[in-house]
């Protein structure tokens, strides 16, 4: 089991909306990309790809990427040859892309005023 120090990480996540009928092609490219970067980018902690299984997600794909730091995302991942290749490979298959960066403010009982167990 992998344990992360959540409070020290940077997260990049959001939604890709593909052109009609292109979701599976984009999913395949993202899956291949995630395997490459998890092996080659030491500062990348994880790359999760989600699709809705009940058919309501349509042409949307949810992504959640985890990095050791915001700098690791900006200076290593975003500028990598693999990221640029992915943009070239799937950019024309996307209708929309909405991504944001996140810093953890706490977890569980570390958050002030969090709900305590019974």
Protein backbone atom coordinates (compact mmCIF):
# COMPACT_ATOMS: atom_id res chain seq x y z
CA UNK A 1 0.00 0.00 0.00
CA UNK A 2 1.29 3.47 -0.90
CA UNK A 3 1.03 6.23 1.71
CA UNK A 4 1.32 9.87 0.74
CA UNK A 5 2.20 12.90 2.85
CA UNK A 6 -0.93 14.69 1.64
CA UNK A 7 -0.12 18.02 3.26
CA UNK A 8 3.10 18.40 1.28
CA UNK A 9 1.77 17.61 -2.18
CA UNK A 10 0.47 19.57 -5.14
CA UNK A 11 -2.55 18.33 -7.07
CA UNK A 12 -3.57 19.11 -10.63
CA UNK A 13 -7.03 17.99 -11.61
CA UNK A 14 -10.02 18.63 -13.76
CA UNK A 15 -12.11 17.48 -16.67
CA UNK A 16 -11.39 16.78 -20.32
CA UNK A 17 -14.42 16.78 -22.62
CA UNK A 18 -13.69 14.93 -25.84
CA UNK A 19 -15.27 15.34 -29.23
CA UNK A 20 -18.21 12.94 -29.68
CA UNK A 21 -17.04 9.34 -29.93
CA UNK A 22 -13.38 10.13 -29.10
CA UNK A 23 -13.40 9.37 -25.35
CA UNK A 24 -11.94 5.85 -25.66
CA UNK A 25 -9.11 7.08 -27.89
CA UNK A 26 -8.24 9.82 -25.40
CA UNK A 27 -8.51 7.38 -22.47
CA UNK A 28 -6.05 5.03 -24.19
CA UNK A 29 -3.57 7.87 -24.79
CA UNK A 30 -3.89 9.12 -21.19
CA UNK A 31 -3.41 5.61 -19.81
CA UNK A 32 -0.23 5.13 -21.83
CA UNK A 33 0.99 8.60 -20.83
CA UNK A 34 0.34 7.96 -17.12
CA UNK A 35 2.41 4.78 -17.19
CA UNK A 36 5.32 6.60 -18.84
CA UNK A 37 5.38 9.59 -16.49
CA UNK A 38 4.99 7.52 -13.34
CA UNK A 39 8.16 5.66 -14.40
CA UNK A 40 10.18 8.60 -15.73
CA UNK A 41 9.21 11.61 -13.57
CA UNK A 42 10.54 11.08 -10.08
CA UNK A 43 8.49 13.99 -8.70
CA UNK A 44 5.17 12.64 -10.07
CA UNK A 45 3.46 10.65 -7.31
CA UNK A 46 0.34 9.50 -9.12
CA UNK A 47 -1.85 10.00 -12.15
CA UNK A 48 -5.48 8.91 -11.89
CA UNK A 49 -7.93 8.78 -14.79
CA UNK A 50 -11.66 8.41 -14.20
CA UNK A 51 -14.68 7.79 -16.40
CA UNK A 52 -18.29 7.56 -15.25
CA UNK A 53 -19.52 3.98 -15.43
CA UNK A 54 -23.27 4.60 -15.48
CA UNK A 55 -23.24 6.23 -18.92
CA UNK A 56 -24.01 9.74 -17.61
CA UNK A 57 -20.45 11.00 -18.08
CA UNK A 58 -20.81 11.23 -21.82
CA UNK A 59 -17.59 12.36 -23.42
CA UNK A 60 -16.00 13.56 -20.13
CA UNK A 61 -12.84 12.25 -18.48
CA UNK A 62 -11.76 13.27 -14.97
CA UNK A 63 -8.04 13.52 -14.16
CA UNK A 64 -6.23 13.79 -10.85
CA UNK A 65 -2.44 14.19 -10.86
CA UNK A 66 -0.26 14.28 -7.72
CA UNK A 67 3.19 15.83 -7.50
CA UNK A 68 5.76 16.30 -4.74
CA UNK A 69 5.44 20.07 -5.17
CA UNK A 70 3.94 22.77 -7.37
CA UNK A 71 7.41 23.38 -8.78
CA UNK A 72 7.62 19.69 -9.80
CA UNK A 73 4.45 20.19 -11.82
CA UNK A 74 5.47 23.50 -13.40
CA UNK A 75 9.17 22.90 -14.04
CA UNK A 76 9.34 19.15 -14.70
CA UNK A 77 5.99 17.72 -15.71
CA UNK A 78 4.41 20.56 -17.70
CA UNK A 79 7.63 21.09 -19.68
CA UNK A 80 8.39 17.43 -20.31
CA UNK A 81 8.67 15.98 -23.79
CA UNK A 82 6.02 13.41 -22.79
CA UNK A 83 3.49 16.12 -21.85
CA UNK A 84 4.14 17.96 -25.10
CA UNK A 85 3.73 14.74 -27.07
CA UNK A 86 0.41 14.07 -25.31
CA UNK A 87 -0.85 17.55 -26.22
CA UNK A 88 0.00 16.88 -29.86
CA UNK A 89 -1.63 13.45 -29.74
CA UNK A 90 -4.96 14.36 -28.12
CA UNK A 91 -5.35 18.12 -28.43
CA UNK A 92 -7.40 17.87 -31.62
CA UNK A 93 -9.67 15.26 -29.97
CA UNK A 94 -10.75 17.57 -27.13
CA UNK A 95 -13.77 19.84 -27.14
CA UNK A 96 -12.86 21.41 -23.78
CA UNK A 97 -10.30 21.13 -21.00
CA UNK A 98 -10.82 22.55 -17.52
CA UNK A 99 -7.94 22.00 -15.08
CA UNK A 100 -6.88 23.64 -11.79
CA UNK A 101 -4.09 23.32 -9.25
CA UNK A 102 -4.67 22.53 -5.58
CA UNK A 103 -2.74 22.68 -2.31
CA UNK A 104 -3.89 20.63 0.66
CA UNK A 105 -5.12 22.68 3.63
CA UNK A 106 -5.33 19.68 5.96
CA UNK A 107 -6.58 16.16 6.26
CA UNK A 108 -9.03 14.47 8.56
CA UNK A 109 -8.59 15.44 12.20
CA UNK A 110 -5.82 17.91 11.30
CA UNK A 111 -8.40 20.35 9.95
CA UNK A 112 -9.56 22.78 12.61
CA UNK A 113 -13.18 22.16 13.51
CA UNK A 114 -13.29 18.78 11.78
CA UNK A 115 -15.93 16.29 12.79
CA UNK A 116 -14.74 13.86 15.45
CA UNK A 117 -15.79 10.18 15.43
CA UNK A 118 -18.53 9.04 17.82
